[in-house]
Amino acid sequence: LNLSNCVALVLYEALRQLNFPGEAR
């Protein structure tokens, strides 16, 4: 896959696992 797509997939999975720290809720 495109490099930036790969980074987005894995980074967002990691952030999801961490309950999206720092997201404005």
mmCIF file of all heavy atoms, coordinates in Angstrom:
data_MODEL
# 
_entry.id   MODEL 
# 
loop_
_atom_site.group_PDB 
_atom_site.id 
_atom_site.type_symbol 
_atom_site.label_atom_id 
_atom_site.label_alt_id 
_atom_site.label_comp_id 
_atom_site.label_asym_id 
_atom_site.label_entity_id 
_atom_site.label_seq_id 
_atom_site.pdbx_PDB_ins_code 
_atom_site.Cartn_x 
_atom_site.Cartn_y 
_atom_site.Cartn_z 
_atom_site.occupancy 
_atom_site.B_iso_or_equiv 
_atom_site.pdbx_formal_charge 
_atom_site.auth_seq_id 
_atom_site.auth_comp_id 
_atom_site.auth_asym_id 
_atom_site.auth_atom_id 
_atom_site.pdbx_PDB_model_num 
ATOM 1   N N   . LEU A 1 1  ? 0.856   -1.179 0.000  1.00 0.00 ? 1  LEU A N   1 
ATOM 2   C CA  . LEU A 1 1  ? 0.000   0.000  0.000  1.00 0.00 ? 1  LEU A CA  1 
ATOM 3   C C   . LEU A 1 1  ? 0.897   1.236  0.000  1.00 0.00 ? 1  LEU A C   1 
ATOM 4   O O   . LEU A 1 1  ? 2.091   1.150  0.284  1.00 0.00 ? 1  LEU A O   1 
ATOM 5   C CB  . LEU A 1 1  ? -0.879  0.015  1.248  1.00 0.00 ? 1  LEU A CB  1 
ATOM 6   C CG  . LEU A 1 1  ? -1.838  -1.156 1.432  1.00 0.00 ? 1  LEU A CG  1 
ATOM 7   C CD1 . LEU A 1 1  ? -2.504  -1.070 2.794  1.00 0.00 ? 1  LEU A CD1 1 
ATOM 8   C CD2 . LEU A 1 1  ? -2.862  -1.185 0.321  1.00 0.00 ? 1  LEU A CD2 1 
ATOM 9   N N   . ASN A 1 2  ? 0.322   2.368  -0.264 1.00 0.00 ? 2  ASN A N   1 
ATOM 10  C CA  . ASN A 1 2  ? 1.051   3.627  -0.194 1.00 0.00 ? 2  ASN A CA  1 
ATOM 11  C C   . ASN A 1 2  ? 1.566   3.842  1.230  1.00 0.00 ? 2  ASN A C   1 
ATOM 12  O O   . ASN A 1 2  ? 0.869   3.546  2.200  1.00 0.00 ? 2  ASN A O   1 
ATOM 13  C CB  . ASN A 1 2  ? 0.118   4.764  -0.631 1.00 0.00 ? 2  ASN A CB  1 
ATOM 14  C CG  . ASN A 1 2  ? 0.754   6.109  -0.473 1.00 0.00 ? 2  ASN A CG  1 
ATOM 15  O OD1 . ASN A 1 2  ? 0.719   6.680  0.611  1.00 0.00 ? 2  ASN A OD1 1 
ATOM 16  N ND2 . ASN A 1 2  ? 1.346   6.607  -1.532 1.00 0.00 ? 2  ASN A ND2 1 
ATOM 17  N N   . LEU A 1 3  ? 2.764   4.371  1.347  1.00 0.00 ? 3  LEU A N   1 
ATOM 18  C CA  . LEU A 1 3  ? 3.389   4.577  2.655  1.00 0.00 ? 3  LEU A CA  1 
ATOM 19  C C   . LEU A 1 3  ? 2.506   5.382  3.604  1.00 0.00 ? 3  LEU A C   1 
ATOM 20  O O   . LEU A 1 3  ? 2.304   4.991  4.759  1.00 0.00 ? 3  LEU A O   1 
ATOM 21  C CB  . LEU A 1 3  ? 4.743   5.275  2.485  1.00 0.00 ? 3  LEU A CB  1 
ATOM 22  C CG  . LEU A 1 3  ? 5.450   5.676  3.777  1.00 0.00 ? 3  LEU A CG  1 
ATOM 23  C CD1 . LEU A 1 3  ? 5.815   4.452  4.601  1.00 0.00 ? 3  LEU A CD1 1 
ATOM 24  C CD2 . LEU A 1 3  ? 6.676   6.513  3.466  1.00 0.00 ? 3  LEU A CD2 1 
ATOM 25  N N   . SER A 1 4  ? 1.963   6.497  3.142  1.00 0.00 ? 4  SER A N   1 
ATOM 26  C CA  . SER A 1 4  ? 1.166   7.325  4.057  1.00 0.00 ? 4  SER A CA  1 
ATOM 27  C C   . SER A 1 4  ? -0.114  6.613  4.468  1.00 0.00 ? 4  SER A C   1 
ATOM 28  O O   . SER A 1 4  ? -0.590  6.794  5.589  1.00 0.00 ? 4  SER A O   1 
ATOM 29  C CB  . SER A 1 4  ? 0.882   8.706  3.460  1.00 0.00 ? 4  SER A CB  1 
ATOM 30  O OG  . SER A 1 4  ? 0.189   8.613  2.251  1.00 0.00 ? 4  SER A OG  1 
ATOM 31  N N   . ASN A 1 5  ? -0.667  5.757  3.606  1.00 0.00 ? 5  ASN A N   1 
ATOM 32  C CA  . ASN A 1 5  ? -1.831  4.961  3.994  1.00 0.00 ? 5  ASN A CA  1 
ATOM 33  C C   . ASN A 1 5  ? -1.462  3.954  5.074  1.00 0.00 ? 5  ASN A C   1 
ATOM 34  O O   . ASN A 1 5  ? -2.219  3.741  6.025  1.00 0.00 ? 5  ASN A O   1 
ATOM 35  C CB  . ASN A 1 5  ? -2.423  4.223  2.790  1.00 0.00 ? 5  ASN A CB  1 
ATOM 36  C CG  . ASN A 1 5  ? -3.080  5.148  1.805  1.00 0.00 ? 5  ASN A CG  1 
ATOM 37  O OD1 . ASN A 1 5  ? -3.442  6.270  2.135  1.00 0.00 ? 5  ASN A OD1 1 
ATOM 38  N ND2 . ASN A 1 5  ? -3.226  4.694  0.585  1.00 0.00 ? 5  ASN A ND2 1 
ATOM 39  N N   . CYS A 1 6  ? -0.309  3.330  4.936  1.00 0.00 ? 6  CYS A N   1 
ATOM 40  C CA  . CYS A 1 6  ? 0.150   2.366  5.944  1.00 0.00 ? 6  CYS A CA  1 
ATOM 41  C C   . CYS A 1 6  ? 0.336   3.037  7.303  1.00 0.00 ? 6  CYS A C   1 
ATOM 42  O O   . CYS A 1 6  ? -0.084  2.505  8.332  1.00 0.00 ? 6  CYS A O   1 
ATOM 43  C CB  . CYS A 1 6  ? 1.463   1.721  5.505  1.00 0.00 ? 6  CYS A CB  1 
ATOM 44  S SG  . CYS A 1 6  ? 1.312   0.653  4.070  1.00 0.00 ? 6  CYS A SG  1 
ATOM 45  N N   . VAL A 1 7  ? 0.953   4.193  7.293  1.00 0.00 ? 7  VAL A N   1 
ATOM 46  C CA  . VAL A 1 7  ? 1.161   4.924  8.550  1.00 0.00 ? 7  VAL A CA  1 
ATOM 47  C C   . VAL A 1 7  ? -0.188  5.250  9.180  1.00 0.00 ? 7  VAL A C   1 
ATOM 48  O O   . VAL A 1 7  ? -0.382  5.056  10.386 1.00 0.00 ? 7  VAL A O   1 
ATOM 49  C CB  . VAL A 1 7  ? 1.997   6.199  8.325  1.00 0.00 ? 7  VAL A CB  1 
ATOM 50  C CG1 . VAL A 1 7  ? 2.086   7.017  9.615  1.00 0.00 ? 7  VAL A CG1 1 
ATOM 51  C CG2 . VAL A 1 7  ? 3.392   5.857  7.823  1.00 0.00 ? 7  VAL A CG2 1 
ATOM 52  N N   . ALA A 1 8  ? -1.135  5.716  8.374  1.00 0.00 ? 8  ALA A N   1 
ATOM 53  C CA  . ALA A 1 8  ? -2.456  6.072  8.906  1.00 0.00 ? 8  ALA A CA  1 
ATOM 54  C C   . ALA A 1 8  ? -3.148  4.855  9.520  1.00 0.00 ? 8  ALA A C   1 
ATOM 55  O O   . ALA A 1 8  ? -3.720  4.951  10.616 1.00 0.00 ? 8  ALA A O   1 
ATOM 56  C CB  . ALA A 1 8  ? -3.328  6.686  7.813  1.00 0.00 ? 8  ALA A CB  1 
ATOM 57  N N   . LEU A 1 9  ? -3.115  3.716  8.845  1.00 0.00 ? 9  LEU A N   1 
ATOM 58  C CA  . LEU A 1 9  ? -3.752  2.499  9.373  1.00 0.00 ? 9  LEU A CA  1 
ATOM 59  C C   . LEU A 1 9  ? -3.210  2.136  10.744 1.00 0.00 ? 9  LEU A C   1 
ATOM 60  O O   . LEU A 1 9  ? -3.960  1.927  11.700 1.00 0.00 ? 9  LEU A O   1 
ATOM 61  C CB  . LEU A 1 9  ? -3.503  1.317  8.431  1.00 0.00 ? 9  LEU A CB  1 
ATOM 62  C CG  . LEU A 1 9  ? -4.327  1.201  7.188  1.00 0.00 ? 9  LEU A CG  1 
ATOM 63  C CD1 . LEU A 1 9  ? -3.749  0.131  6.266  1.00 0.00 ? 9  LEU A CD1 1 
ATOM 64  C CD2 . LEU A 1 9  ? -5.763  0.859  7.544  1.00 0.00 ? 9  LEU A CD2 1 
ATOM 65  N N   . VAL A 1 10 ? -1.900  2.029  10.837 1.00 0.00 ? 10 VAL A N   1 
ATOM 66  C CA  . VAL A 1 10 ? -1.274  1.551  12.072 1.00 0.00 ? 10 VAL A CA  1 
ATOM 67  C C   . VAL A 1 10 ? -1.352  2.610  13.172 1.00 0.00 ? 10 VAL A C   1 
ATOM 68  O O   . VAL A 1 10 ? -1.660  2.292  14.326 1.00 0.00 ? 10 VAL A O   1 
ATOM 69  C CB  . VAL A 1 10 ? 0.178   1.105  11.804 1.00 0.00 ? 10 VAL A CB  1 
ATOM 70  C CG1 . VAL A 1 10 ? 0.839   0.622  13.097 1.00 0.00 ? 10 VAL A CG1 1 
ATOM 71  C CG2 . VAL A 1 10 ? 0.201   -0.003 10.752 1.00 0.00 ? 10 VAL A CG2 1 
ATOM 72  N N   . LEU A 1 11 ? -1.110  3.858  12.835 1.00 0.00 ? 11 LEU A N   1 
ATOM 73  C CA  . LEU A 1 11 ? -1.170  4.920  13.835 1.00 0.00 ? 11 LEU A CA  1 
ATOM 74  C C   . LEU A 1 11 ? -2.569  5.030  14.432 1.00 0.00 ? 11 LEU A C   1 
ATOM 75  O O   . LEU A 1 11 ? -2.722  5.123  15.657 1.00 0.00 ? 11 LEU A O   1 
ATOM 76  C CB  . LEU A 1 11 ? -0.738  6.249  13.231 1.00 0.00 ? 11 LEU A CB  1 
ATOM 77  C CG  . LEU A 1 11 ? -0.805  7.467  14.156 1.00 0.00 ? 11 LEU A CG  1 
ATOM 78  C CD1 . LEU A 1 11 ? 0.056   7.274  15.399 1.00 0.00 ? 11 LEU A CD1 1 
ATOM 79  C CD2 . LEU A 1 11 ? -0.390  8.722  13.397 1.00 0.00 ? 11 LEU A CD2 1 
ATOM 80  N N   . TYR A 1 12 ? -3.595  5.002  13.609 1.00 0.00 ? 12 TYR A N   1 
ATOM 81  C CA  . TYR A 1 12 ? -4.950  5.126  14.141 1.00 0.00 ? 12 TYR A CA  1 
ATOM 82  C C   . TYR A 1 12 ? -5.370  3.898  14.942 1.00 0.00 ? 12 TYR A C   1 
ATOM 83  O O   . TYR A 1 12 ? -6.129  4.015  15.908 1.00 0.00 ? 12 TYR A O   1 
ATOM 84  C CB  . TYR A 1 12 ? -5.957  5.477  13.043 1.00 0.00 ? 12 TYR A CB  1 
ATOM 85  C CG  . TYR A 1 12 ? -6.164  6.970  12.973 1.00 0.00 ? 12 TYR A CG  1 
ATOM 86  C CD1 . TYR A 1 12 ? -5.309  7.774  12.233 1.00 0.00 ? 12 TYR A CD1 1 
ATOM 87  C CD2 . TYR A 1 12 ? -7.162  7.588  13.706 1.00 0.00 ? 12 TYR A CD2 1 
ATOM 88  C CE1 . TYR A 1 12 ? -5.466  9.147  12.208 1.00 0.00 ? 12 TYR A CE1 1 
ATOM 89  C CE2 . TYR A 1 12 ? -7.336  8.959  13.684 1.00 0.00 ? 12 TYR A CE2 1 
ATOM 90  C CZ  . TYR A 1 12 ? -6.479  9.738  12.934 1.00 0.00 ? 12 TYR A CZ  1 
ATOM 91  O OH  . TYR A 1 12 ? -6.636  11.095 12.921 1.00 0.00 ? 12 TYR A OH  1 
ATOM 92  N N   . GLU A 1 13 ? -4.863  2.718  14.599 1.00 0.00 ? 13 GLU A N   1 
ATOM 93  C CA  . GLU A 1 13 ? -5.124  1.550  15.440 1.00 0.00 ? 13 GLU A CA  1 
ATOM 94  C C   . GLU A 1 13 ? -4.471  1.738  16.807 1.00 0.00 ? 13 GLU A C   1 
ATOM 95  O O   . GLU A 1 13 ? -5.082  1.470  17.839 1.00 0.00 ? 13 GLU A O   1 
ATOM 96  C CB  . GLU A 1 13 ? -4.621  0.263  14.789 1.00 0.00 ? 13 GLU A CB  1 
ATOM 97  C CG  . GLU A 1 13 ? -4.663  -0.957 15.695 1.00 0.00 ? 13 GLU A CG  1 
ATOM 98  C CD  . GLU A 1 13 ? -6.043  -1.334 16.226 1.00 0.00 ? 13 GLU A CD  1 
ATOM 99  O OE1 . GLU A 1 13 ? -7.078  -0.915 15.664 1.00 0.00 ? 13 GLU A OE1 1 
ATOM 100 O OE2 . GLU A 1 13 ? -6.109  -2.072 17.236 1.00 0.00 ? 13 GLU A OE2 1 
ATOM 101 N N   . ALA A 1 14 ? -3.236  2.211  16.820 1.00 0.00 ? 14 ALA A N   1 
ATOM 102 C CA  . ALA A 1 14 ? -2.553  2.450  18.089 1.00 0.00 ? 14 ALA A CA  1 
ATOM 103 C C   . ALA A 1 14 ? -3.302  3.494  18.917 1.00 0.00 ? 14 ALA A C   1 
ATOM 104 O O   . ALA A 1 14 ? -3.528  3.304  20.119 1.00 0.00 ? 14 ALA A O   1 
ATOM 105 C CB  . ALA A 1 14 ? -1.115  2.902  17.834 1.00 0.00 ? 14 ALA A CB  1 
ATOM 106 N N   . LEU A 1 15 ? -3.727  4.573  18.289 1.00 0.00 ? 15 LEU A N   1 
ATOM 107 C CA  . LEU A 1 15 ? -4.461  5.619  19.006 1.00 0.00 ? 15 LEU A CA  1 
ATOM 108 C C   . LEU A 1 15 ? -5.833  5.129  19.468 1.00 0.00 ? 15 LEU A C   1 
ATOM 109 O O   . LEU A 1 15 ? -6.294  5.494  20.552 1.00 0.00 ? 15 LEU A O   1 
ATOM 110 C CB  . LEU A 1 15 ? -4.596  6.861  18.123 1.00 0.00 ? 15 LEU A CB  1 
ATOM 111 C CG  . LEU A 1 15 ? -3.274  7.560  17.793 1.00 0.00 ? 15 LEU A CG  1 
ATOM 112 C CD1 . LEU A 1 15 ? -3.493  8.656  16.771 1.00 0.00 ? 15 LEU A CD1 1 
ATOM 113 C CD2 . LEU A 1 15 ? -2.595  8.081  19.046 1.00 0.00 ? 15 LEU A CD2 1 
ATOM 114 N N   . ARG A 1 16 ? -6.473  4.281  18.680 1.00 0.00 ? 16 ARG A N   1 
ATOM 115 C CA  . ARG A 1 16 ? -7.761  3.701  19.090 1.00 0.00 ? 16 ARG A CA  1 
ATOM 116 C C   . ARG A 1 16 ? -7.576  2.881  20.357 1.00 0.00 ? 16 ARG A C   1 
ATOM 117 O O   . ARG A 1 16 ? -8.356  2.989  21.303 1.00 0.00 ? 16 ARG A O   1 
ATOM 118 C CB  . ARG A 1 16 ? -8.341  2.835  17.966 1.00 0.00 ? 16 ARG A CB  1 
ATOM 119 C CG  . ARG A 1 16 ? -9.716  2.230  18.312 1.00 0.00 ? 16 ARG A CG  1 
ATOM 120 C CD  . ARG A 1 16 ? -10.074 1.079  17.400 1.00 0.00 ? 16 ARG A CD  1 
ATOM 121 N NE  . ARG A 1 16 ? -9.189  -0.071 17.576 1.00 0.00 ? 16 ARG A NE  1 
ATOM 122 C CZ  . ARG A 1 16 ? -9.287  -0.956 18.570 1.00 0.00 ? 16 ARG A CZ  1 
ATOM 123 N NH1 . ARG A 1 16 ? -10.207 -0.815 19.516 1.00 0.00 ? 16 ARG A NH1 1 
ATOM 124 N NH2 . ARG A 1 16 ? -8.454  -1.974 18.637 1.00 0.00 ? 16 ARG A NH2 1 
ATOM 125 N N   . GLN A 1 17 ? -6.518  2.075  20.380 1.00 0.00 ? 17 GLN A N   1 
ATOM 126 C CA  . GLN A 1 17 ? -6.248  1.258  21.561 1.00 0.00 ? 17 GLN A CA  1 
ATOM 127 C C   . GLN A 1 17 ? -6.014  2.123  22.795 1.00 0.00 ? 17 GLN A C   1 
ATOM 128 O O   . GLN A 1 17 ? -6.317  1.709  23.910 1.00 0.00 ? 17 GLN A O   1 
ATOM 129 C CB  . GLN A 1 17 ? -5.020  0.367  21.327 1.00 0.00 ? 17 GLN A CB  1 
ATOM 130 C CG  . GLN A 1 17 ? -5.242  -0.760 20.358 1.00 0.00 ? 17 GLN A CG  1 
ATOM 131 C CD  . GLN A 1 17 ? -3.997  -1.600 20.191 1.00 0.00 ? 17 GLN A CD  1 
ATOM 132 O OE1 . GLN A 1 17 ? -3.036  -1.524 20.968 1.00 0.00 ? 17 GLN A OE1 1 
ATOM 133 N NE2 . GLN A 1 17 ? -3.996  -2.433 19.155 1.00 0.00 ? 17 GLN A NE2 1 
ATOM 134 N N   . LEU A 1 18 ? -5.480  3.304  22.591 1.00 0.00 ? 18 LEU A N   1 
ATOM 135 C CA  . LEU A 1 18 ? -5.199  4.221  23.700 1.00 0.00 ? 18 LEU A CA  1 
ATOM 136 C C   . LEU A 1 18 ? -6.370  5.157  23.975 1.00 0.00 ? 18 LEU A C   1 
ATOM 137 O O   . LEU A 1 18 ? -6.230  6.133  24.709 1.00 0.00 ? 18 LEU A O   1 
ATOM 138 C CB  . LEU A 1 18 ? -3.930  5.022  23.387 1.00 0.00 ? 18 LEU A CB  1 
ATOM 139 C CG  . LEU A 1 18 ? -2.664  4.183  23.227 1.00 0.00 ? 18 LEU A CG  1 
ATOM 140 C CD1 . LEU A 1 18 ? -1.536  5.016  22.658 1.00 0.00 ? 18 LEU A CD1 1 
ATOM 141 C CD2 . LEU A 1 18 ? -2.279  3.549  24.556 1.00 0.00 ? 18 LEU A CD2 1 
ATOM 142 N N   . ASN A 1 19 ? -7.523  4.873  23.359 1.00 0.00 ? 19 ASN A N   1 
ATOM 143 C CA  . ASN A 1 19 ? -8.742  5.672  23.524 1.00 0.00 ? 19 ASN A CA  1 
ATOM 144 C C   . ASN A 1 19 ? -8.566  7.108  23.012 1.00 0.00 ? 19 ASN A C   1 
ATOM 145 O O   . ASN A 1 19 ? -9.067  8.048  23.607 1.00 0.00 ? 19 ASN A O   1 
ATOM 146 C CB  . ASN A 1 19 ? -9.210  5.660  24.985 1.00 0.00 ? 19 ASN A CB  1 
ATOM 147 C CG  . ASN A 1 19 ? -10.657 6.074  25.122 1.00 0.00 ? 19 ASN A CG  1 
ATOM 148 O OD1 . ASN A 1 19 ? -11.458 5.871  24.208 1.00 0.00 ? 19 ASN A OD1 1 
ATOM 149 N ND2 . ASN A 1 19 ? -11.000 6.670  26.254 1.00 0.00 ? 19 ASN A ND2 1 
ATOM 150 N N   . PHE A 1 20 ? -7.834  7.238  21.922 1.00 0.00 ? 20 PHE A N   1 
ATOM 151 C CA  . PHE A 1 20 ? -7.617  8.524  21.256 1.00 0.00 ? 20 PHE A CA  1 
ATOM 152 C C   . PHE A 1 20 ? -7.222  9.631  22.245 1.00 0.00 ? 20 PHE A C   1 
ATOM 153 O O   . PHE A 1 20 ? -7.959  10.584 22.458 1.00 0.00 ? 20 PHE A O   1 
ATOM 154 C CB  . PHE A 1 20 ? -8.852  8.922  20.437 1.00 0.00 ? 20 PHE A CB  1 
ATOM 155 C CG  . PHE A 1 20 ? -9.144  7.959  19.338 1.00 0.00 ? 20 PHE A CG  1 
ATOM 156 C CD1 . PHE A 1 20 ? -10.238 7.102  19.424 1.00 0.00 ? 20 PHE A CD1 1 
ATOM 157 C CD2 . PHE A 1 20 ? -8.332  7.889  18.214 1.00 0.00 ? 20 PHE A CD2 1 
ATOM 158 C CE1 . PHE A 1 20 ? -10.499 6.187  18.398 1.00 0.00 ? 20 PHE A CE1 1 
ATOM 159 C CE2 . PHE A 1 20 ? -8.598  6.981  17.196 1.00 0.00 ? 20 PHE A CE2 1 
ATOM 160 C CZ  . PHE A 1 20 ? -9.680  6.130  17.287 1.00 0.00 ? 20 PHE A CZ  1 
ATOM 161 N N   . PRO A 1 21 ? -6.035  9.507  22.841 1.00 0.00 ? 21 PRO A N   1 
ATOM 162 C CA  . PRO A 1 21 ? -5.598  10.507 23.825 1.00 0.00 ? 21 PRO A CA  1 
ATOM 163 C C   . PRO A 1 21 ? -5.509  11.900 23.216 1.00 0.00 ? 21 PRO A C   1 
ATOM 164 O O   . PRO A 1 21 ? -5.045  12.081 22.104 1.00 0.00 ? 21 PRO A O   1 
ATOM 165 C CB  . PRO A 1 21 ? -4.210  10.005 24.246 1.00 0.00 ? 21 PRO A CB  1 
ATOM 166 C CG  . PRO A 1 21 ? -3.751  9.166  23.109 1.00 0.00 ? 21 PRO A CG  1 
ATOM 167 C CD  . PRO A 1 21 ? -4.987  8.557  22.513 1.00 0.00 ? 21 PRO A CD  1 
ATOM 168 N N   . GLY A 1 22 ? -5.982  12.865 23.963 1.00 0.00 ? 22 GLY A N   1 
ATOM 169 C CA  . GLY A 1 22 ? -5.891  14.247 23.526 1.00 0.00 ? 22 GLY A CA  1 
ATOM 170 C C   . GLY A 1 22 ? -6.984  14.703 22.583 1.00 0.00 ? 22 GLY A C   1 
ATOM 171 O O   . GLY A 1 22 ? -7.031  15.868 22.222 1.00 0.00 ? 22 GLY A O   1 
ATOM 172 N N   . GLU A 1 23 ? -7.875  13.788 22.198 1.00 0.00 ? 23 GLU A N   1 
ATOM 173 C CA  . GLU A 1 23 ? -8.950  14.197 21.294 1.00 0.00 ? 23 GLU A CA  1 
ATOM 174 C C   . GLU A 1 23 ? -9.923  15.110 22.035 1.00 0.00 ? 23 GLU A C   1 
ATOM 175 O O   . GLU A 1 23 ? -10.258 14.868 23.192 1.00 0.00 ? 23 GLU A O   1 
ATOM 176 C CB  . GLU A 1 23 ? -9.723  12.983 20.765 1.00 0.00 ? 23 GLU A CB  1 
ATOM 177 C CG  . GLU A 1 23 ? -10.744 13.395 19.732 1.00 0.00 ? 23 GLU A CG  1 
ATOM 178 C CD  . GLU A 1 23 ? -11.982 12.510 19.702 1.00 0.00 ? 23 GLU A CD  1 
ATOM 179 O OE1 . GLU A 1 23 ? -12.174 11.702 20.619 1.00 0.00 ? 23 GLU A OE1 1 
ATOM 180 O OE2 . GLU A 1 23 ? -12.765 12.680 18.769 1.00 0.00 ? 23 GLU A OE2 1 
ATOM 181 N N   . ALA A 1 24 ? -10.351 16.174 21.361 1.00 0.00 ? 24 ALA A N   1 
ATOM 182 C CA  . ALA A 1 24 ? -11.325 17.090 21.966 1.00 0.00 ? 24 ALA A CA  1 
ATOM 183 C C   . ALA A 1 24 ? -12.664 16.369 22.077 1.00 0.00 ? 24 ALA A C   1 
ATOM 184 O O   . ALA A 1 24 ? -13.235 15.971 21.083 1.00 0.00 ? 24 ALA A O   1 
ATOM 185 C CB  . ALA A 1 24 ? -11.455 18.346 21.117 1.00 0.00 ? 24 ALA A CB  1 
ATOM 186 N N   . ARG A 1 25 ? -13.133 16.198 23.288 1.00 0.00 ? 25 ARG A N   1 
ATOM 187 C CA  . ARG A 1 25 ? -14.420 15.512 23.507 1.00 0.00 ? 25 ARG A CA  1 
ATOM 188 C C   . ARG A 1 25 ? -15.411 16.469 24.150 1.00 0.00 ? 25 ARG A C   1 
ATOM 189 O O   . ARG A 1 25 ? -16.232 16.086 24.951 1.00 0.00 ? 25 ARG A O   1 
ATOM 190 C CB  . ARG A 1 25 ? -14.221 14.277 24.373 1.00 0.00 ? 25 ARG A CB  1 
ATOM 191 C CG  . ARG A 1 25 ? -13.348 13.251 23.682 1.00 0.00 ? 25 ARG A CG  1 
ATOM 192 C CD  . ARG A 1 25 ? -13.231 11.997 24.502 1.00 0.00 ? 25 ARG A CD  1 
ATOM 193 N NE  . ARG A 1 25 ? -12.270 11.115 23.897 1.00 0.00 ? 25 ARG A NE  1 
ATOM 194 C CZ  . ARG A 1 25 ? -12.587 9.974  23.297 1.00 0.00 ? 25 ARG A CZ  1 
ATOM 195 N NH1 . ARG A 1 25 ? -13.824 9.585  23.230 1.00 0.00 ? 25 ARG A NH1 1 
ATOM 196 N NH2 . ARG A 1 25 ? -11.656 9.219  22.782 1.00 0.00 ? 25 ARG A NH2 1 
# 
